[in-house]
Amino acid sequence: MIAPTPEKQRFIGRQAILDRKMRLYGYELLFRAGTDNAFSGDVEDATNQTIDNCLSMIACASSKNLFINCTRNSLVSMNVKLLPSETVVLEILETVTADAEVVRACRELKRWGFRLALDDFSPYENKGELVDIADYVKVDFRAYDAAARQEIYKIFQRRKIIFLAEKVETLVEVLQAETEGNTLFQGYFHARPEIIAEAQISTGKAVYLQLLAALAKSPMEVREIQRLLLLEPSLCYRLLRLANSAVYGIRHRISTIQAALNAVGEDAFRKLVTVVIAGKLPHSAVDRDAEQALERAYLCESLAAILNEDKAELYMTGMLSMMDRMLNIPMKQLVGLISIDPRIQEALLGSEKGLGRALTLCRYEEQGGDSQRQPRPDESIPDGASYYFRALIAAANTLQGLRG
């Protein structure tokens, strides 16, 4: 199989945030136009590109806490809803005025599960209601002396809030910051921001990656799946069209995502969404790739009893095994971008044990199987060809339902 050709590179800076025990707490992600370790360009554009990068780069999947700078527009337009709320902390820039529209947007984002940080907080500016809803306050040790910092702490003395000392350059400053009540630390005392370069993935494809990650978990993250599907109306349309097709034999009309889930059950719903993702990825080779992904998914699933493995895990293994080609990124990067069971990850990276036994059989049958007089990869599956033939029929019927 030909390896995917990586797309053009993009760059992002990240600076570590440490806790009191000097353990990694998270990263602040910083826009970089290239390998120069400094910001250049328009702030709004930088925020949008950082959001896009956060969706698409390994750096963004390597920590539970990722701090992203947000302009007024990125907040009120709700563009930041594309980001995973369980991971991302939204940093409200000091230039953002706390007017009614911004406050409403921030309250809505809090309801979606996002945490908010007030960046470069000043004791001399009125941040209004944002003071009442923020989760973090970043205290700039280069901008304010000890007396001014005390004024910051007093503003929040009646609230349980996390203080993050930023731009601390020495261990002496870290100790001083801790004495003042800061529990998180960011600055040159530890390291300058590092630049990460990865193959670029479009925002649309990044949404598909997030969907696959949510689908791969057991039980599925239904709320997150619904949120992501609503961001892609075309996916919703294709999902409901397939749910109402003859493939699933549902007599009453399905008109909502929740109704589709209730009607077909979790396992079938997982298949529904993966099918519409496969059919939505547009480039010349994808039609055959999507078909092959479904064939593998159905073949792997059908081997559950023989291999004594979970059907849902086998199905996802087969489907994900083609996503590197369909998304045009290396498999190693793909498994780094989505949180999946280690056993699925091992199979995707080439292991021929466990779930990898099913993928090995897939490749054997795709290459001609017994007709090529190659030794069978697994003697416990004596009639792999019949399983493969049934998988071909199932995949064809499913895609017909989507296209019909």
Protein backbone atom coordinates (compact mmCIF):
# COMPACT_ATOMS: atom_id res chain seq x y z
CA MET A 1 0.00 0.00 0.00
CA ILE A 2 1.31 3.45 -0.91
CA ALA A 3 1.90 5.69 2.08
CA PRO A 4 -0.03 8.98 2.13
CA THR A 5 1.81 12.05 0.96
CA PRO A 6 1.98 14.57 3.82
CA GLU A 7 0.35 17.92 3.21
CA LYS A 8 2.20 21.20 3.69
CA GLN A 9 3.61 21.96 7.11
CA ARG A 10 2.33 24.44 9.64
CA PHE A 11 3.99 25.68 12.79
CA ILE A 12 2.89 26.31 16.32
CA GLY A 13 4.73 27.29 19.47
CA ARG A 14 3.95 25.79 22.83
CA GLN A 15 5.19 26.83 26.24
CA ALA A 16 4.92 24.53 29.22
CA ILE A 17 2.84 25.38 32.29
CA LEU A 18 4.02 23.65 35.47
CA ASP A 19 2.41 23.03 38.84
CA ARG A 20 3.93 23.47 42.32
CA LYS A 21 5.81 20.18 42.07
CA MET A 22 7.21 21.25 38.69
CA ARG A 23 5.10 18.65 36.90
CA LEU A 24 3.65 19.42 33.49
CA TYR A 25 0.14 20.85 33.86
CA GLY A 26 -0.42 21.94 30.27
CA TYR A 27 0.74 24.17 27.44
CA GLU A 28 -0.05 27.58 26.10
CA LEU A 29 -0.26 27.31 22.33
CA LEU A 30 1.28 30.22 20.43
CA PHE A 31 0.96 31.06 16.74
CA ARG A 32 4.17 30.93 14.73
CA ALA A 33 4.37 31.79 11.03
CA GLY A 34 7.50 29.69 10.55
CA THR A 35 10.57 28.47 12.39
CA ASP A 36 11.27 31.89 13.94
CA ASN A 37 10.38 31.61 17.61
CA ALA A 38 8.44 34.87 17.80
CA PHE A 39 4.94 36.10 16.99
CA SER A 40 4.36 37.99 13.75
CA GLY A 41 1.17 38.94 11.95
CA ASP A 42 -2.42 39.88 12.72
CA VAL A 43 -3.77 38.89 16.16
CA GLU A 44 -7.18 37.81 14.82
CA ASP A 45 -5.61 35.70 12.09
CA ALA A 46 -3.19 34.24 14.62
CA THR A 47 -6.05 33.19 16.89
CA ASN A 48 -7.92 31.53 14.02
CA GLN A 49 -4.80 29.72 12.85
CA THR A 50 -3.98 28.60 16.38
CA ILE A 51 -7.52 27.19 16.69
CA ASP A 52 -7.07 25.39 13.38
CA ASN A 53 -3.66 24.09 14.44
CA CYS A 54 -4.98 22.98 17.79
CA LEU A 55 -7.47 20.78 15.99
CA SER A 56 -4.90 19.24 13.73
CA MET A 57 -1.56 18.79 15.43
CA ILE A 58 -0.06 16.19 17.73
CA ALA A 59 1.05 18.94 20.07
CA CYS A 60 -2.58 19.63 20.77
CA ALA A 61 -3.29 16.08 21.85
CA SER A 62 -0.35 15.78 24.23
CA SER A 63 -1.84 17.48 27.28
CA LYS A 64 -5.12 17.70 29.13
CA ASN A 65 -4.85 21.49 29.48
CA LEU A 66 -4.23 23.65 26.43
CA PHE A 67 -4.43 27.42 26.81
CA ILE A 68 -5.48 29.28 23.63
CA ASN A 69 -5.48 33.08 23.22
CA CYS A 70 -8.91 34.35 22.19
CA THR A 71 -9.85 37.65 20.59
CA ARG A 72 -13.26 39.26 20.97
CA ASN A 73 -14.37 38.00 17.56
CA SER A 74 -13.36 34.39 18.21
CA LEU A 75 -15.49 34.47 21.39
CA VAL A 76 -18.65 36.18 20.17
CA SER A 77 -18.63 34.31 16.83
CA MET A 78 -18.32 31.04 18.77
CA ASN A 79 -15.53 29.86 16.44
CA VAL A 80 -13.83 28.41 19.50
CA LYS A 81 -16.64 25.86 19.83
CA LEU A 82 -14.69 23.83 17.28
CA LEU A 83 -12.16 23.12 20.03
CA PRO A 84 -12.54 20.22 22.48
CA SER A 85 -14.03 21.80 25.62
CA GLU A 86 -12.66 19.11 27.95
CA THR A 87 -9.11 20.00 26.94
CA VAL A 88 -9.01 23.70 26.08
CA VAL A 89 -8.76 26.71 28.37
CA LEU A 90 -9.83 29.89 26.59
CA GLU A 91 -7.51 32.81 27.39
CA ILE A 92 -9.39 36.09 27.14
CA LEU A 93 -6.85 38.62 25.93
CA GLU A 94 -6.33 41.79 27.96
CA THR A 95 -7.49 43.82 24.93
CA VAL A 96 -11.00 42.29 25.07
CA THR A 97 -13.55 44.65 26.61
CA ALA A 98 -15.96 42.95 29.01
CA ASP A 99 -19.15 44.29 27.41
CA ALA A 100 -22.53 42.55 27.51
CA GLU A 101 -21.98 40.64 24.25
CA VAL A 102 -18.62 39.25 25.37
CA VAL A 103 -20.01 38.26 28.77
CA ARG A 104 -22.97 36.47 27.17
CA ALA A 105 -20.63 34.58 24.85
CA CYS A 106 -18.35 33.57 27.72
CA ARG A 107 -21.27 32.33 29.81
CA GLU A 108 -22.45 30.26 26.85
CA LEU A 109 -18.96 28.82 26.40
CA LYS A 110 -18.87 27.93 30.10
CA ARG A 111 -22.13 26.02 29.62
CA TRP A 112 -20.41 24.10 26.83
CA GLY A 113 -17.76 23.01 29.31
CA PHE A 114 -14.95 25.44 28.50
CA ARG A 115 -12.77 26.96 31.21
CA LEU A 116 -11.84 30.63 31.00
CA ALA A 117 -8.59 32.39 31.85
CA LEU A 118 -8.06 36.15 32.13
CA ASP A 119 -4.77 36.84 30.36
CA ASP A 120 -2.34 39.54 31.58
CA PHE A 121 -4.89 40.62 34.16
CA SER A 122 -4.59 44.25 35.23
CA PRO A 123 -5.70 45.54 38.64
CA TYR A 124 -6.44 48.89 37.01
CA GLU A 125 -8.98 47.77 34.39
CA ASN A 126 -12.56 46.75 35.02
CA LYS A 127 -13.27 43.26 33.66
CA GLY A 128 -16.83 43.35 34.96
CA GLU A 129 -18.67 40.05 35.14
CA LEU A 130 -15.72 38.16 33.67
CA VAL A 131 -14.16 38.35 37.13
CA ASP A 132 -17.08 36.27 38.42
CA ILE A 133 -16.91 33.50 35.82
CA ALA A 134 -13.16 33.08 35.16
CA ASP A 135 -11.43 29.88 36.28
CA TYR A 136 -7.83 31.11 35.94
CA VAL A 137 -6.10 34.47 36.29
CA LYS A 138 -2.70 34.93 34.66
CA VAL A 139 -0.46 37.25 36.68
CA ASP A 140 2.29 38.91 34.63
CA PHE A 141 5.49 39.14 36.73
CA ARG A 142 7.20 41.39 34.18
CA ALA A 143 4.36 43.91 34.01
CA TYR A 144 3.49 44.35 37.70
CA ASP A 145 5.45 44.74 40.88
CA ALA A 146 4.61 43.04 44.17
CA ALA A 147 2.23 45.81 45.29
CA ALA A 148 0.23 45.71 42.05
CA ARG A 149 0.08 41.92 42.17
CA GLN A 150 -1.40 42.11 45.66
CA GLU A 151 -4.19 44.27 44.24
CA ILE A 152 -4.92 41.50 41.71
CA TYR A 153 -5.14 38.87 44.44
CA LYS A 154 -7.50 41.07 46.51
CA ILE A 155 -9.97 41.32 43.63
CA PHE A 156 -10.43 37.55 43.71
CA GLN A 157 -10.10 36.95 47.45
CA ARG A 158 -13.75 35.91 47.79
CA ARG A 159 -13.55 33.46 44.91
CA LYS A 160 -11.92 30.07 44.47
CA ILE A 161 -9.69 30.72 41.48
CA ILE A 162 -6.41 29.40 40.10
CA PHE A 163 -3.60 31.95 39.81
CA LEU A 164 -1.01 31.32 37.09
CA ALA A 165 2.24 33.27 37.33
CA GLU A 166 3.48 34.01 33.83
CA LYS A 167 6.78 35.42 32.60
CA VAL A 168 8.61 34.15 35.66
CA GLU A 169 12.26 33.88 34.62
CA THR A 170 14.09 32.58 37.69
CA LEU A 171 13.45 30.04 40.42
CA VAL A 172 13.53 32.91 42.91
CA GLU A 173 10.55 34.42 41.10
CA VAL A 174 8.81 31.04 41.08
CA LEU A 175 9.20 30.79 44.87
CA GLN A 176 7.95 34.36 45.27
CA ALA A 177 4.96 33.62 43.04
CA GLU A 178 4.11 30.53 45.07
CA THR A 179 4.35 32.49 48.31
CA GLU A 180 1.84 34.97 46.88
CA GLY A 181 -0.66 32.19 46.13
CA ASN A 182 0.08 31.16 42.55
CA THR A 183 -0.17 27.43 41.93
CA LEU A 184 0.79 27.34 38.23
CA PHE A 185 3.93 28.75 36.63
CA GLN A 186 4.94 29.66 33.08
CA GLY A 187 8.09 31.35 31.86
CA TYR A 188 11.70 31.22 30.81
CA PHE A 189 12.75 29.76 34.19
CA HIS A 190 11.74 26.43 32.68
CA ALA A 191 12.09 26.89 28.92
CA ARG A 192 11.37 29.18 26.04
CA PRO A 193 8.46 28.21 23.79
CA GLU A 194 9.30 25.29 21.50
CA ILE A 195 8.21 25.18 17.88
CA ILE A 196 6.30 22.14 16.65
CA ALA A 197 5.90 21.42 12.94
CA GLU A 198 3.43 18.86 11.65
CA ALA A 199 1.61 18.03 8.45
CA GLN A 200 -1.32 20.40 8.02
CA ILE A 201 -4.82 19.00 8.32
CA SER A 202 -7.80 21.11 7.30
CA THR A 203 -10.36 22.15 9.90
CA GLY A 204 -12.99 19.98 8.23
CA LYS A 205 -10.82 16.90 8.47
CA ALA A 206 -9.99 17.78 12.06
CA VAL A 207 -13.71 17.62 12.92
CA TYR A 208 -13.80 14.13 11.41
CA LEU A 209 -10.83 13.15 13.59
CA GLN A 210 -12.64 14.37 16.70
CA LEU A 211 -15.71 12.39 15.68
CA LEU A 212 -13.66 9.24 15.21
CA ALA A 213 -12.08 9.74 18.62
CA ALA A 214 -15.50 10.09 20.27
CA LEU A 215 -16.83 7.05 18.41
CA ALA A 216 -13.84 4.91 19.39
CA LYS A 217 -14.59 5.27 23.09
CA SER A 218 -16.83 2.81 24.89
CA PRO A 219 -19.37 3.95 25.84
CA MET A 220 -19.50 6.52 23.08
CA GLU A 221 -19.35 10.20 23.97
CA VAL A 222 -22.83 10.87 22.63
CA ARG A 223 -23.00 14.55 23.66
CA GLU A 224 -19.67 15.27 22.01
CA ILE A 225 -20.71 13.39 18.85
CA GLN A 226 -23.89 15.43 18.62
CA ARG A 227 -21.96 18.68 19.08
CA LEU A 228 -19.50 17.82 16.32
CA LEU A 229 -22.18 16.62 13.91
CA LEU A 230 -24.06 19.90 14.38
CA LEU A 231 -20.90 21.73 13.31
CA GLU A 232 -21.06 19.87 9.99
CA PRO A 233 -24.62 20.15 8.57
CA SER A 234 -23.71 18.04 5.54
CA LEU A 235 -22.72 15.18 7.85
CA CYS A 236 -26.03 15.50 9.70
CA TYR A 237 -27.91 15.34 6.41
CA ARG A 238 -26.05 12.26 5.22
CA LEU A 239 -26.44 10.57 8.61
CA LEU A 240 -30.21 11.05 8.66
CA ARG A 241 -30.53 10.01 5.01
CA LEU A 242 -28.69 6.78 5.70
CA ALA A 243 -30.68 6.13 8.89
CA ASN A 244 -33.88 6.45 6.84
CA SER A 245 -32.63 4.19 4.04
CA ALA A 246 -33.71 0.60 3.52
CA VAL A 247 -30.39 -0.59 4.95
CA TYR A 248 -31.65 -0.19 8.52
CA GLY A 249 -35.29 -1.05 7.88
CA ILE A 250 -36.73 1.66 10.14
CA ARG A 251 -40.42 2.18 9.42
CA HIS A 252 -40.91 5.59 11.02
CA ARG A 253 -39.03 8.65 9.79
CA ILE A 254 -35.86 9.64 11.67
CA SER A 255 -35.39 13.41 11.89
CA THR A 256 -32.87 13.99 14.71
CA ILE A 257 -29.47 12.64 15.71
CA GLN A 258 -30.82 11.42 19.06
CA ALA A 259 -33.70 9.63 17.31
CA ALA A 260 -31.23 7.86 15.02
CA LEU A 261 -29.24 6.71 18.05
CA ASN A 262 -32.36 5.52 19.87
CA ALA A 263 -33.67 3.70 16.81
CA VAL A 264 -30.59 1.73 15.77
CA GLY A 265 -28.64 1.36 19.04
CA GLU A 266 -25.08 2.34 19.92
CA ASP A 267 -23.22 -0.17 17.75
CA ALA A 268 -25.24 0.58 14.63
CA PHE A 269 -25.06 4.33 15.30
CA ARG A 270 -21.26 4.09 15.47
CA LYS A 271 -21.35 2.46 12.05
CA LEU A 272 -23.71 5.09 10.70
CA VAL A 273 -21.41 7.95 11.63
CA THR A 274 -18.24 6.25 10.40
CA VAL A 275 -19.93 5.51 7.09
CA VAL A 276 -20.94 9.14 6.53
CA ILE A 277 -17.44 10.31 7.45
CA ALA A 278 -15.94 7.85 4.98
CA GLY A 279 -18.28 9.01 2.26
CA LYS A 280 -17.64 12.70 2.93
CA LEU A 281 -13.87 12.83 2.47
CA PRO A 282 -13.38 14.29 -1.01
CA HIS A 283 -10.44 13.43 -3.23
CA SER A 284 -9.96 11.22 -6.24
CA ALA A 285 -8.97 8.02 -4.45
CA VAL A 286 -11.37 8.29 -1.55
CA ASP A 287 -14.33 6.47 -3.10
CA ARG A 288 -12.34 3.27 -3.24
CA ASP A 289 -10.65 4.00 0.09
CA ALA A 290 -14.04 4.49 1.76
CA GLU A 291 -15.29 1.25 0.29
CA GLN A 292 -12.17 -0.59 1.43
CA ALA A 293 -12.46 0.89 4.93
CA LEU A 294 -16.01 -0.41 5.23
CA GLU A 295 -15.01 -3.80 3.87
CA ARG A 296 -12.30 -4.04 6.49
CA ALA A 297 -14.64 -2.87 9.23
CA TYR A 298 -17.26 -5.48 8.38
CA LEU A 299 -14.67 -8.24 7.93
CA CYS A 300 -12.96 -7.46 11.24
CA GLU A 301 -16.31 -7.31 13.05
CA SER A 302 -17.41 -10.67 11.63
CA LEU A 303 -14.35 -12.34 13.21
CA ALA A 304 -15.31 -11.35 16.77
CA ALA A 305 -16.45 -14.81 17.88
CA ILE A 306 -13.48 -16.61 16.33
CA LEU A 307 -10.90 -14.19 17.73
CA ASN A 308 -12.75 -13.74 21.04
CA GLU A 309 -12.60 -9.97 20.65
CA ASP A 310 -15.12 -7.14 21.05
CA LYS A 311 -17.17 -6.48 17.90
CA ALA A 312 -17.15 -2.70 18.29
CA GLU A 313 -13.38 -2.60 18.75
CA LEU A 314 -12.85 -4.79 15.70
CA TYR A 315 -15.17 -2.62 13.60
CA MET A 316 -13.34 0.59 14.58
CA THR A 317 -9.97 -1.07 13.95
CA GLY A 318 -10.98 -1.95 10.41
CA MET A 319 -12.45 1.47 9.71
CA LEU A 320 -9.53 3.41 11.15
CA SER A 321 -6.99 1.29 9.26
CA MET A 322 -7.73 3.26 6.08
CA MET A 323 -8.07 6.71 7.63
CA ASP A 324 -4.40 7.55 7.16
CA ARG A 325 -4.94 7.38 3.40
CA MET A 326 -8.34 9.07 3.52
CA LEU A 327 -7.06 11.97 5.62
CA ASN A 328 -3.69 12.00 3.86
CA ILE A 329 -1.59 11.84 7.04
CA PRO A 330 0.79 9.18 8.41
CA MET A 331 -0.81 6.55 10.65
CA LYS A 332 1.55 7.44 13.49
CA GLN A 333 0.23 11.00 13.44
CA LEU A 334 -3.37 9.80 13.18
CA VAL A 335 -3.18 7.65 16.33
CA GLY A 336 -1.53 10.56 18.13
CA LEU A 337 -4.42 12.87 17.25
CA ILE A 338 -7.25 10.70 18.54
CA SER A 339 -7.56 9.05 21.92
CA ILE A 340 -8.17 5.36 21.20
CA ASP A 341 -7.77 2.12 23.07
CA PRO A 342 -4.10 1.03 23.17
CA ARG A 343 -5.01 -2.32 21.62
CA ILE A 344 -6.58 -0.60 18.60
CA GLN A 345 -3.55 1.68 18.39
CA GLU A 346 -1.15 -1.29 18.38
CA ALA A 347 -3.12 -2.96 15.58
CA LEU A 348 -3.10 0.21 13.48
CA LEU A 349 0.65 0.57 13.94
CA GLY A 350 1.32 -2.92 12.61
CA SER A 351 0.97 -5.44 15.42
CA GLU A 352 -0.22 -8.85 14.22
CA LYS A 353 -1.42 -9.86 17.68
CA GLY A 354 -4.77 -9.21 19.35
CA LEU A 355 -6.93 -6.99 17.17
CA GLY A 356 -4.11 -6.90 14.64
CA ARG A 357 -4.90 -10.51 13.69
CA ALA A 358 -8.06 -9.28 11.96
CA LEU A 359 -6.22 -6.59 10.00
CA THR A 360 -3.61 -9.14 8.92
CA LEU A 361 -6.40 -11.29 7.48
CA CYS A 362 -7.88 -8.24 5.73
CA ARG A 363 -4.62 -7.57 3.92
CA TYR A 364 -4.20 -11.26 3.07
CA GLU A 365 -7.64 -11.46 1.43
CA GLU A 366 -7.21 -8.11 -0.34
CA GLN A 367 -4.03 -9.45 -1.93
CA GLY A 368 -5.75 -12.53 -3.29
CA GLY A 369 -5.74 -14.87 -0.32
CA ASP A 370 -5.53 -18.59 -1.02
CA SER A 371 -5.69 -17.98 -4.77
CA GLN A 372 -2.15 -16.58 -4.63
CA ARG A 373 -0.96 -19.70 -2.76
CA GLN A 374 0.40 -17.62 0.10
CA PRO A 375 0.56 -19.19 3.56
CA ARG A 376 -2.48 -18.33 5.68
CA PRO A 377 -1.70 -15.72 8.34
CA ASP A 378 -3.98 -17.36 10.93
CA GLU A 379 -4.85 -21.06 10.85
CA SER A 380 -7.69 -20.50 13.34
CA ILE A 381 -9.64 -18.85 10.49
CA PRO A 382 -9.82 -21.61 7.87
CA ASP A 383 -12.41 -19.97 5.62
CA GLY A 384 -11.34 -16.33 5.50
CA ALA A 385 -12.51 -15.95 1.91
CA SER A 386 -16.16 -16.47 2.82
CA TYR A 387 -15.96 -13.87 5.58
CA TYR A 388 -14.33 -11.49 3.14
CA PHE A 389 -17.00 -12.07 0.50
CA ARG A 390 -19.79 -11.32 2.97
CA ALA A 391 -17.95 -8.16 4.06
CA LEU A 392 -17.77 -6.99 0.44
CA ILE A 393 -21.54 -7.39 0.07
CA ALA A 394 -22.28 -5.61 3.37
CA ALA A 395 -20.04 -2.67 2.46
CA ALA A 396 -21.58 -2.35 -1.01
CA ASN A 397 -25.10 -2.36 0.43
CA THR A 398 -24.23 0.27 3.02
CA LEU A 399 -22.62 2.63 0.52
CA GLN A 400 -25.57 2.14 -1.84
CA GLY A 401 -27.84 3.30 0.97
CA LEU A 402 -25.73 6.41 1.43
CA ARG A 403 -25.54 7.26 -2.26
CA GLY A 404 -29.03 6.27 -3.21
